[in-house]
Amino acid sequence: MTMRSGKKSSVLASRRRTEMSQTRTASASATYTYVDVENVVRRVKADLIMIADSTGAWTATEATNYAHDIEVLAKAGYLKWVDVTLFSHGVEVKAVRFEVDTDAGSLTTSRPGGVRWPKVEGAHLRIVLSHTDAYTSTAREATKDKLKMGWGPSYDDTSHSSLTSSGGRNYVSNAYGVQRKDWAE
């Protein structure tokens, strides 16, 4: 099961910032910190803001709030992938998927960009997150007040079978990274 954003949650994350440090080890050779996750999510956020700005289907604030939730889930080790799709009157036009890689040390990082999507009639952006098995009901309870957007279950098809693969980018900091895959008409 995946999560999909619904209406904005009326509960906002606490404005109080707690300084924390943590190192995660995914394998004997893959180590990363919260700072690594923040560096990678900053690039994902830049892409989300470019998508929002170019399509007009989200505000910059919505894109920033989605990036916030992505970072919360990523830092906790719960994020598997993020899928964003542009629809025109219900038909897929463009899509990206950011797949988390916790052993990304051999990848070369890219700059954000390449997502200046078109303004289309009947535009709608869908964001779907997939979580790891560690995102249990206890984990959901522990993180729900930290999330800015309302999330619920999603059974949407995110295969993008009507689109063609059109490249991608890698965002990496030490062993933590995301591999972005792009699709277009």
N, C-alpha and C. Protein backbone atom coordinates (compact mmCIF):
# COMPACT_ATOMS: atom_id res chain seq x y z
N MET A 1 0.84 -1.17 0.00
CA MET A 1 0.00 0.00 0.00
C MET A 1 0.89 1.23 0.00
N THR A 2 0.40 2.30 -0.63
CA THR A 2 1.11 3.56 -0.67
C THR A 2 0.25 4.62 -0.02
N MET A 3 0.81 5.80 0.18
CA MET A 3 0.06 6.91 0.77
C MET A 3 -0.11 7.98 -0.28
N ARG A 4 -1.25 8.62 -0.25
CA ARG A 4 -1.54 9.69 -1.19
C ARG A 4 -2.02 10.89 -0.40
N SER A 5 -1.62 12.05 -0.85
CA SER A 5 -2.03 13.25 -0.16
C SER A 5 -3.49 13.53 -0.44
N GLY A 6 -4.19 13.92 0.59
CA GLY A 6 -5.57 14.34 0.45
C GLY A 6 -5.66 15.80 0.83
N LYS A 7 -6.69 16.15 1.56
CA LYS A 7 -6.83 17.52 2.04
C LYS A 7 -5.73 17.82 3.03
N LYS A 8 -5.39 19.08 3.16
CA LYS A 8 -4.38 19.48 4.11
C LYS A 8 -4.85 19.14 5.52
N SER A 9 -3.95 18.63 6.29
CA SER A 9 -4.25 18.31 7.68
C SER A 9 -4.38 19.60 8.46
N SER A 10 -5.31 19.63 9.42
CA SER A 10 -5.45 20.82 10.25
C SER A 10 -4.41 20.84 11.35
N VAL A 11 -3.72 19.74 11.54
CA VAL A 11 -2.69 19.66 12.55
C VAL A 11 -1.35 19.92 11.88
N LEU A 12 -0.68 20.98 12.29
CA LEU A 12 0.62 21.30 11.73
C LEU A 12 1.71 20.82 12.66
N ALA A 13 2.84 20.53 12.09
CA ALA A 13 3.98 20.09 12.90
C ALA A 13 4.37 21.21 13.86
N SER A 14 4.91 20.83 14.96
CA SER A 14 5.36 21.78 15.97
C SER A 14 6.41 22.70 15.37
N ARG A 15 6.35 23.98 15.71
CA ARG A 15 7.31 24.94 15.22
C ARG A 15 8.63 24.85 15.99
N ARG A 16 8.61 24.18 17.13
CA ARG A 16 9.82 24.03 17.94
C ARG A 16 10.77 23.09 17.23
N ARG A 17 12.00 23.50 17.09
CA ARG A 17 13.00 22.68 16.39
C ARG A 17 13.86 21.98 17.43
N THR A 18 13.98 20.69 17.30
CA THR A 18 14.83 19.91 18.18
C THR A 18 16.05 19.50 17.39
N GLU A 19 17.21 19.83 17.92
CA GLU A 19 18.45 19.46 17.25
C GLU A 19 18.76 18.01 17.59
N MET A 20 19.01 17.22 16.58
CA MET A 20 19.29 15.81 16.76
C MET A 20 20.41 15.40 15.82
N SER A 21 21.07 14.37 16.17
CA SER A 21 22.08 13.81 15.29
C SER A 21 21.90 12.30 15.30
N GLN A 22 21.95 11.72 14.15
CA GLN A 22 21.81 10.28 14.06
C GLN A 22 22.57 9.80 12.84
N THR A 23 23.17 8.65 12.97
CA THR A 23 23.81 8.01 11.83
C THR A 23 23.09 6.69 11.60
N ARG A 24 22.75 6.44 10.35
CA ARG A 24 22.10 5.17 10.00
C ARG A 24 23.08 4.35 9.18
N THR A 25 23.08 3.08 9.40
CA THR A 25 23.92 2.18 8.62
C THR A 25 23.03 1.16 7.94
N ALA A 26 23.03 1.17 6.62
CA ALA A 26 22.20 0.25 5.86
C ALA A 26 22.95 -1.03 5.53
N SER A 27 24.24 -0.95 5.45
CA SER A 27 25.07 -2.13 5.21
C SER A 27 26.46 -1.80 5.76
N ALA A 28 27.35 -2.73 5.65
CA ALA A 28 28.68 -2.52 6.20
C ALA A 28 29.39 -1.32 5.58
N SER A 29 29.03 -0.95 4.35
CA SER A 29 29.74 0.13 3.68
C SER A 29 28.89 1.37 3.43
N ALA A 30 27.64 1.39 3.88
CA ALA A 30 26.76 2.50 3.57
C ALA A 30 26.33 3.23 4.84
N THR A 31 26.92 4.38 5.09
CA THR A 31 26.58 5.17 6.26
C THR A 31 26.19 6.58 5.83
N TYR A 32 25.15 7.13 6.47
CA TYR A 32 24.72 8.49 6.18
C TYR A 32 24.12 9.09 7.44
N THR A 33 23.98 10.41 7.44
CA THR A 33 23.45 11.14 8.59
C THR A 33 22.19 11.89 8.20
N TYR A 34 21.56 12.53 9.20
CA TYR A 34 20.42 13.39 8.93
C TYR A 34 20.78 14.49 7.95
N VAL A 35 21.99 15.01 8.05
CA VAL A 35 22.43 16.07 7.15
C VAL A 35 22.46 15.57 5.70
N ASP A 36 22.85 14.33 5.50
CA ASP A 36 22.85 13.75 4.15
C ASP A 36 21.43 13.68 3.61
N VAL A 37 20.49 13.25 4.45
CA VAL A 37 19.08 13.19 4.04
C VAL A 37 18.59 14.59 3.70
N GLU A 38 18.91 15.57 4.54
CA GLU A 38 18.50 16.95 4.28
C GLU A 38 19.06 17.47 2.96
N ASN A 39 20.33 17.16 2.67
CA ASN A 39 20.94 17.60 1.42
C ASN A 39 20.23 17.03 0.21
N VAL A 40 19.87 15.77 0.27
CA VAL A 40 19.18 15.11 -0.85
C VAL A 40 17.76 15.64 -0.98
N VAL A 41 17.04 15.74 0.13
CA VAL A 41 15.66 16.22 0.08
C VAL A 41 15.61 17.67 -0.40
N ARG A 42 16.63 18.47 -0.13
CA ARG A 42 16.68 19.84 -0.63
C ARG A 42 16.62 19.84 -2.17
N ARG A 43 17.27 18.88 -2.80
CA ARG A 43 17.24 18.79 -4.27
C ARG A 43 15.86 18.32 -4.76
N VAL A 44 15.27 17.37 -4.04
CA VAL A 44 13.91 16.92 -4.38
C VAL A 44 12.95 18.10 -4.24
N LYS A 45 13.09 18.86 -3.16
CA LYS A 45 12.24 20.04 -2.93
C LYS A 45 12.37 21.02 -4.09
N ALA A 46 13.58 21.26 -4.57
CA ALA A 46 13.78 22.17 -5.70
C ALA A 46 13.01 21.68 -6.92
N ASP A 47 13.04 20.38 -7.17
CA ASP A 47 12.27 19.81 -8.29
C ASP A 47 10.77 20.00 -8.08
N LEU A 48 10.29 19.75 -6.86
CA LEU A 48 8.86 19.89 -6.59
C LEU A 48 8.41 21.34 -6.79
N ILE A 49 9.23 22.29 -6.36
CA ILE A 49 8.88 23.70 -6.54
C ILE A 49 8.89 24.07 -8.02
N MET A 50 9.85 23.55 -8.80
CA MET A 50 9.88 23.80 -10.25
C MET A 50 8.63 23.23 -10.92
N ILE A 51 8.24 22.03 -10.51
CA ILE A 51 7.03 21.40 -11.07
C ILE A 51 5.81 22.25 -10.72
N ALA A 52 5.71 22.68 -9.46
CA ALA A 52 4.57 23.50 -9.03
C ALA A 52 4.52 24.81 -9.81
N ASP A 53 5.66 25.47 -9.91
CA ASP A 53 5.73 26.77 -10.57
C ASP A 53 5.41 26.66 -12.06
N SER A 54 5.97 25.68 -12.72
CA SER A 54 5.78 25.58 -14.17
C SER A 54 4.38 25.13 -14.56
N THR A 55 3.77 24.26 -13.76
CA THR A 55 2.42 23.77 -14.10
C THR A 55 1.31 24.65 -13.55
N GLY A 56 1.59 25.34 -12.46
CA GLY A 56 0.56 26.13 -11.80
C GLY A 56 -0.45 25.28 -11.05
N ALA A 57 -0.21 23.98 -10.94
CA ALA A 57 -1.17 23.07 -10.31
C ALA A 57 -0.99 22.97 -8.79
N TRP A 58 0.15 23.40 -8.26
CA TRP A 58 0.39 23.51 -6.81
C TRP A 58 0.97 24.89 -6.56
N THR A 59 0.82 25.34 -5.34
CA THR A 59 1.53 26.55 -4.93
C THR A 59 2.92 26.14 -4.47
N ALA A 60 3.81 27.12 -4.35
CA ALA A 60 5.15 26.84 -3.82
C ALA A 60 5.04 26.35 -2.38
N THR A 61 4.06 26.85 -1.64
CA THR A 61 3.86 26.41 -0.25
C THR A 61 3.47 24.94 -0.20
N GLU A 62 2.57 24.53 -1.09
CA GLU A 62 2.20 23.11 -1.13
C GLU A 62 3.41 22.24 -1.44
N ALA A 63 4.20 22.64 -2.42
CA ALA A 63 5.40 21.88 -2.78
C ALA A 63 6.36 21.81 -1.59
N THR A 64 6.52 22.91 -0.89
CA THR A 64 7.40 22.95 0.29
C THR A 64 6.86 22.04 1.39
N ASN A 65 5.57 22.03 1.59
CA ASN A 65 4.97 21.15 2.61
C ASN A 65 5.13 19.68 2.25
N TYR A 66 4.99 19.35 0.97
CA TYR A 66 5.23 17.96 0.55
C TYR A 66 6.69 17.59 0.83
N ALA A 67 7.62 18.49 0.50
CA ALA A 67 9.04 18.22 0.75
C ALA A 67 9.30 18.04 2.25
N HIS A 68 8.64 18.82 3.07
CA HIS A 68 8.77 18.67 4.52
C HIS A 68 8.39 17.25 4.95
N ASP A 69 7.24 16.78 4.49
CA ASP A 69 6.78 15.44 4.86
C ASP A 69 7.72 14.35 4.33
N ILE A 70 8.22 14.56 3.12
CA ILE A 70 9.18 13.62 2.54
C ILE A 70 10.41 13.53 3.45
N GLU A 71 10.88 14.68 3.91
CA GLU A 71 12.07 14.70 4.78
C GLU A 71 11.80 14.01 6.11
N VAL A 72 10.64 14.26 6.70
CA VAL A 72 10.29 13.60 7.98
C VAL A 72 10.33 12.09 7.81
N LEU A 73 9.70 11.59 6.77
CA LEU A 73 9.64 10.14 6.55
C LEU A 73 11.02 9.57 6.17
N ALA A 74 11.77 10.33 5.38
CA ALA A 74 13.11 9.86 4.97
C ALA A 74 14.05 9.78 6.17
N LYS A 75 14.03 10.79 7.02
CA LYS A 75 14.92 10.80 8.19
C LYS A 75 14.63 9.63 9.13
N ALA A 76 13.37 9.22 9.18
CA ALA A 76 12.99 8.12 10.05
C ALA A 76 13.21 6.76 9.39
N GLY A 77 13.62 6.76 8.12
CA GLY A 77 13.86 5.51 7.41
C GLY A 77 12.59 4.86 6.88
N TYR A 78 11.52 5.64 6.74
CA TYR A 78 10.23 5.10 6.30
C TYR A 78 9.95 5.30 4.82
N LEU A 79 10.71 6.14 4.13
CA LEU A 79 10.39 6.48 2.74
C LEU A 79 11.03 5.50 1.77
N LYS A 80 10.22 4.98 0.85
CA LYS A 80 10.70 4.07 -0.19
C LYS A 80 10.81 4.82 -1.53
N TRP A 81 9.74 5.48 -1.93
CA TRP A 81 9.76 6.30 -3.14
C TRP A 81 8.65 7.34 -3.10
N VAL A 82 8.83 8.36 -3.97
CA VAL A 82 7.86 9.44 -4.14
C VAL A 82 7.56 9.52 -5.63
N ASP A 83 6.29 9.55 -5.98
CA ASP A 83 5.87 9.60 -7.38
C ASP A 83 4.99 10.83 -7.58
N VAL A 84 5.34 11.67 -8.55
CA VAL A 84 4.57 12.86 -8.88
C VAL A 84 4.15 12.76 -10.34
N THR A 85 2.86 12.96 -10.59
CA THR A 85 2.32 12.83 -11.94
C THR A 85 1.50 14.05 -12.30
N LEU A 86 1.72 14.58 -13.50
CA LEU A 86 0.90 15.66 -14.05
C LEU A 86 -0.16 15.05 -14.95
N PHE A 87 -1.41 15.41 -14.70
CA PHE A 87 -2.54 14.97 -15.51
C PHE A 87 -3.16 16.17 -16.21
N SER A 88 -3.68 15.95 -17.42
CA SER A 88 -4.50 16.91 -18.13
C SER A 88 -5.84 16.24 -18.37
N HIS A 89 -6.87 16.73 -17.71
CA HIS A 89 -8.21 16.13 -17.80
C HIS A 89 -8.15 14.62 -17.55
N GLY A 90 -7.36 14.19 -16.56
CA GLY A 90 -7.30 12.79 -16.18
C GLY A 90 -6.33 11.93 -16.98
N VAL A 91 -5.63 12.51 -17.95
CA VAL A 91 -4.68 11.77 -18.77
C VAL A 91 -3.25 12.15 -18.36
N GLU A 92 -2.41 11.14 -18.13
CA GLU A 92 -1.03 11.40 -17.74
C GLU A 92 -0.27 12.14 -18.82
N VAL A 93 0.48 13.17 -18.41
CA VAL A 93 1.29 13.96 -19.33
C VAL A 93 2.77 13.80 -19.01
N LYS A 94 3.13 13.92 -17.74
CA LYS A 94 4.51 13.81 -17.27
C LYS A 94 4.51 13.13 -15.90
N ALA A 95 5.66 12.54 -15.55
CA ALA A 95 5.78 11.94 -14.22
C ALA A 95 7.25 11.84 -13.83
N VAL A 96 7.48 11.86 -12.53
CA VAL A 96 8.81 11.57 -11.97
C VAL A 96 8.63 10.66 -10.78
N ARG A 97 9.62 9.84 -10.56
CA ARG A 97 9.66 9.01 -9.35
C ARG A 97 11.04 9.16 -8.73
N PHE A 98 11.05 9.47 -7.44
CA PHE A 98 12.27 9.59 -6.66
C PHE A 98 12.39 8.32 -5.81
N GLU A 99 13.31 7.42 -6.17
CA GLU A 99 13.48 6.17 -5.44
C GLU A 99 14.65 6.28 -4.47
N VAL A 100 14.37 6.01 -3.20
CA VAL A 100 15.39 6.11 -2.16
C VAL A 100 16.42 5.01 -2.34
N ASP A 101 17.69 5.38 -2.19
CA ASP A 101 18.80 4.43 -2.25
C ASP A 101 19.69 4.70 -1.04
N THR A 102 19.74 3.77 -0.10
CA THR A 102 20.53 3.96 1.11
C THR A 102 21.95 3.39 0.97
N ASP A 103 22.31 3.03 -0.24
CA ASP A 103 23.67 2.58 -0.54
C ASP A 103 24.10 3.23 -1.85
N ALA A 104 23.97 4.56 -1.90
CA ALA A 104 24.14 5.31 -3.14
C ALA A 104 25.53 5.88 -3.31
N GLY A 105 26.47 5.46 -2.50
CA GLY A 105 27.82 6.03 -2.53
C GLY A 105 28.51 5.97 -3.88
N SER A 106 28.14 5.02 -4.73
CA SER A 106 28.79 4.89 -6.04
C SER A 106 28.13 5.76 -7.11
N LEU A 107 27.02 6.40 -6.79
CA LEU A 107 26.34 7.26 -7.76
C LEU A 107 26.94 8.65 -7.76
N THR A 108 26.82 9.34 -8.88
CA THR A 108 27.26 10.72 -9.00
C THR A 108 26.05 11.62 -8.89
N THR A 109 26.15 12.67 -8.08
CA THR A 109 25.00 13.54 -7.87
C THR A 109 24.81 14.50 -9.04
N SER A 110 23.58 14.88 -9.25
CA SER A 110 23.19 15.82 -10.31
C SER A 110 22.61 17.07 -9.67
N ARG A 111 22.49 18.10 -10.48
CA ARG A 111 21.80 19.30 -10.02
C ARG A 111 20.31 19.11 -10.27
N PRO A 112 19.47 19.72 -9.41
CA PRO A 112 18.03 19.66 -9.67
C PRO A 112 17.70 20.33 -11.00
N GLY A 113 16.59 19.96 -11.57
CA GLY A 113 16.15 20.60 -12.80
C GLY A 113 15.61 19.63 -13.81
N GLY A 114 15.32 20.15 -14.99
CA GLY A 114 14.76 19.32 -16.05
C GLY A 114 13.30 18.98 -15.83
N VAL A 115 12.64 19.73 -14.93
CA VAL A 115 11.23 19.45 -14.64
C VAL A 115 10.38 20.71 -14.80
N ARG A 116 10.70 21.52 -15.79
CA ARG A 116 9.86 22.67 -16.13
C ARG A 116 8.74 22.11 -17.01
N TRP A 117 7.73 21.60 -16.37
CA TRP A 117 6.63 20.95 -17.07
C TRP A 117 5.68 21.98 -17.67
N PRO A 118 4.91 21.56 -18.69
CA PRO A 118 4.02 22.52 -19.36
C PRO A 118 2.78 22.85 -18.52
N LYS A 119 2.24 24.02 -18.78
CA LYS A 119 0.92 24.35 -18.25
C LYS A 119 -0.08 23.68 -19.21
N VAL A 120 -0.96 22.88 -18.65
CA VAL A 120 -1.93 22.17 -19.49
C VAL A 120 -3.34 22.48 -18.99
N GLU A 121 -4.31 22.30 -19.88
CA GLU A 121 -5.71 22.46 -19.49
C GLU A 121 -6.10 21.35 -18.54
N GLY A 122 -6.91 21.66 -17.57
CA GLY A 122 -7.38 20.65 -16.63
C GLY A 122 -6.25 20.03 -15.83
N ALA A 123 -5.25 20.84 -15.49
CA ALA A 123 -4.06 20.33 -14.80
C ALA A 123 -4.37 19.84 -13.39
N HIS A 124 -3.76 18.72 -13.06
CA HIS A 124 -3.85 18.14 -11.72
C HIS A 124 -2.53 17.43 -11.44
N LEU A 125 -1.95 17.71 -10.29
CA LEU A 125 -0.74 17.00 -9.86
C LEU A 125 -1.12 16.01 -8.76
N ARG A 126 -0.63 14.79 -8.90
CA ARG A 126 -0.84 13.75 -7.88
C ARG A 126 0.52 13.39 -7.30
N ILE A 127 0.57 13.27 -5.99
CA ILE A 127 1.79 12.79 -5.34
C ILE A 127 1.43 11.55 -4.54
N VAL A 128 2.23 10.52 -4.73
CA VAL A 128 2.03 9.25 -4.01
C VAL A 128 3.37 8.88 -3.39
N LEU A 129 3.34 8.52 -2.12
CA LEU A 129 4.54 8.06 -1.41
C LEU A 129 4.40 6.58 -1.13
N SER A 130 5.50 5.86 -1.24
CA SER A 130 5.53 4.46 -0.82
C SER A 130 6.47 4.38 0.37
N HIS A 131 6.08 3.58 1.33
CA HIS A 131 6.86 3.49 2.55
C HIS A 131 7.49 2.12 2.72
N THR A 132 8.50 2.07 3.57
CA THR A 132 9.16 0.81 3.87
C THR A 132 8.32 0.00 4.84
N ASP A 133 8.68 -1.24 5.04
CA ASP A 133 7.97 -2.10 5.99
C ASP A 133 8.10 -1.59 7.42
N ALA A 134 9.09 -0.76 7.69
CA ALA A 134 9.28 -0.21 9.03
C ALA A 134 8.19 0.79 9.41
N TYR A 135 7.40 1.25 8.43
CA TYR A 135 6.34 2.21 8.70
C TYR A 135 5.09 1.47 9.20
N THR A 136 5.19 1.03 10.43
CA THR A 136 4.12 0.27 11.08
C THR A 136 3.06 1.21 11.62
N SER A 137 2.00 0.66 12.19
CA SER A 137 0.96 1.51 12.79
C SER A 137 1.53 2.34 13.94
N THR A 138 2.48 1.79 14.67
CA THR A 138 3.14 2.54 15.75
C THR A 138 3.93 3.70 15.15
N ALA A 139 4.64 3.46 14.06
CA ALA A 139 5.41 4.51 13.39
C ALA A 139 4.49 5.59 12.84
N ARG A 140 3.33 5.19 12.29
CA ARG A 140 2.37 6.15 11.77
C ARG A 140 1.92 7.09 12.88
N GLU A 141 1.58 6.52 14.02
CA GLU A 141 1.15 7.31 15.17
C GLU A 141 2.24 8.29 15.60
N ALA A 142 3.47 7.81 15.62
CA ALA A 142 4.60 8.64 16.08
C ALA A 142 4.90 9.79 15.13
N THR A 143 4.59 9.64 13.84
CA THR A 143 4.93 10.68 12.86
C THR A 143 3.76 11.54 12.43
N LYS A 144 2.53 11.14 12.69
CA LYS A 144 1.39 11.85 12.11
C LYS A 144 1.32 13.32 12.48
N ASP A 145 1.71 13.70 13.68
CA ASP A 145 1.66 15.11 14.07
C ASP A 145 2.83 15.91 13.53
N LYS A 146 3.82 15.24 12.96
CA LYS A 146 4.97 15.93 12.37
C LYS A 146 4.73 16.25 10.89
N LEU A 147 3.71 15.64 10.29
CA LEU A 147 3.43 15.82 8.86
C LEU A 147 2.52 17.01 8.64
N LYS A 148 2.76 17.76 7.57
CA LYS A 148 1.98 18.95 7.27
C LYS A 148 0.80 18.68 6.34
N MET A 149 0.88 17.62 5.56
CA MET A 149 -0.17 17.32 4.59
C MET A 149 -0.98 16.11 5.09
N GLY A 150 -2.23 16.05 4.69
CA GLY A 150 -3.06 14.90 5.03
C GLY A 150 -2.76 13.76 4.08
N TRP A 151 -2.46 12.58 4.61
CA TRP A 151 -2.11 11.43 3.78
C TRP A 151 -3.07 10.29 4.07
N GLY A 152 -3.39 9.53 3.05
CA GLY A 152 -4.24 8.36 3.21
C GLY A 152 -3.79 7.28 2.25
N PRO A 153 -4.41 6.12 2.34
CA PRO A 153 -4.01 5.01 1.46
C PRO A 153 -4.27 5.34 -0.01
N SER A 154 -3.46 4.76 -0.86
CA SER A 154 -3.61 4.93 -2.31
C SER A 154 -3.41 3.59 -2.99
N TYR A 155 -4.27 3.34 -3.94
CA TYR A 155 -4.14 2.14 -4.76
C TYR A 155 -4.03 2.55 -6.24
N ASP A 156 -3.63 3.81 -6.46
CA ASP A 156 -3.49 4.35 -7.82
C ASP A 156 -2.38 3.61 -8.57
N ASP A 157 -2.57 3.49 -9.86
CA ASP A 157 -1.55 2.90 -10.73
C ASP A 157 -0.47 3.94 -10.97
N THR A 158 0.75 3.64 -10.57
CA THR A 158 1.87 4.56 -10.78
C THR A 158 2.91 3.95 -11.72
N SER A 159 2.47 3.05 -12.59
CA SER A 159 3.40 2.40 -13.53
C SER A 159 3.75 3.31 -14.71
N HIS A 160 2.93 4.30 -14.97
CA HIS A 160 3.12 5.24 -16.09
C HIS A 160 3.24 4.50 -17.43
N SER A 161 2.41 3.48 -17.59
CA SER A 161 2.46 2.65 -18.79
C SER A 161 2.06 3.42 -20.06
N SER A 162 1.35 4.54 -19.90
CA SER A 162 0.98 5.35 -21.07
C SER A 162 2.06 6.35 -21.45
N LEU A 163 3.13 6.43 -20.65
CA LEU A 163 4.21 7.37 -20.90
C LEU A 163 5.48 6.63 -21.30
N THR A 164 6.47 7.38 -21.78
CA THR A 164 7.76 6.82 -22.19
C THR A 164 8.84 7.30 -21.22
N SER A 165 9.70 6.40 -20.83
CA SER A 165 10.82 6.77 -19.96
C SER A 165 11.65 7.84 -20.66
N SER A 166 12.01 8.88 -19.90
CA SER A 166 12.73 9.99 -20.54
C SER A 166 13.91 10.48 -19.70
N GLY A 167 14.65 9.56 -19.13
CA GLY A 167 15.86 9.94 -18.41
C GLY A 167 15.65 10.02 -16.91
N GLY A 168 16.47 10.84 -16.26
CA GLY A 168 16.40 11.02 -14.83
C GLY A 168 17.67 11.64 -14.29
N ARG A 169 17.76 11.71 -12.98
CA ARG A 169 18.91 12.29 -12.30
C ARG A 169 19.13 11.57 -10.99
N ASN A 170 20.32 11.74 -10.43
CA ASN A 170 20.64 11.19 -9.12
C ASN A 170 20.96 12.33 -8.17
N TYR A 171 20.43 12.24 -6.96
CA TYR A 171 20.75 13.19 -5.91
C TYR A 171 21.36 12.40 -4.77
N VAL A 172 22.62 12.68 -4.43
CA VAL A 172 23.38 11.85 -3.50
C VAL A 172 24.14 12.71 -2.50
N SER A 173 24.19 12.24 -1.26
CA SER A 173 25.05 12.81 -0.23
C SER A 173 25.57 11.64 0.58
N ASN A 174 26.86 11.37 0.48
CA ASN A 174 27.48 10.17 1.08
C ASN A 174 26.75 8.94 0.58
N ALA A 175 26.23 8.11 1.47
CA ALA A 175 25.57 6.87 1.03
C ALA A 175 24.07 7.03 0.81
N TYR A 176 23.51 8.21 1.13
CA TYR A 176 22.07 8.41 0.98
C TYR A 176 21.80 9.10 -0.35
N GLY A 177 20.80 8.61 -1.06
CA GLY A 177 20.46 9.25 -2.32
C GLY A 177 19.08 8.89 -2.80
N VAL A 178 18.66 9.58 -3.83
CA VAL A 178 17.45 9.21 -4.57
C VAL A 178 17.82 9.17 -6.04
N GLN A 179 17.25 8.21 -6.73
CA GLN A 179 17.39 8.12 -8.17
C GLN A 179 16.08 8.58 -8.77
N ARG A 180 16.14 9.67 -9.54
CA ARG A 180 14.93 10.22 -10.15
C ARG A 180 14.76 9.62 -11.53
N LYS A 181 13.58 9.07 -11.76
CA LYS A 181 13.23 8.54 -13.07
C LYS A 181 12.15 9.43 -13.64
N ASP A 182 12.27 9.80 -14.92
CA ASP A 182 11.34 10.71 -15.58
C ASP A 182 10.56 9.97 -16.67
N TRP A 183 9.31 10.39 -16.86
CA TRP A 183 8.47 9.89 -17.94
C TRP A 183 7.79 11.06 -18.62
N ALA A 184 7.54 10.93 -19.92
CA ALA A 184 6.85 11.95 -20.71
C ALA A 184 6.01 11.29 -21.78
N GLU A 185 5.12 12.08 -22.37
CA GLU A 185 4.27 11.56 -23.47
C GLU A 185 5.13 11.21 -24.66
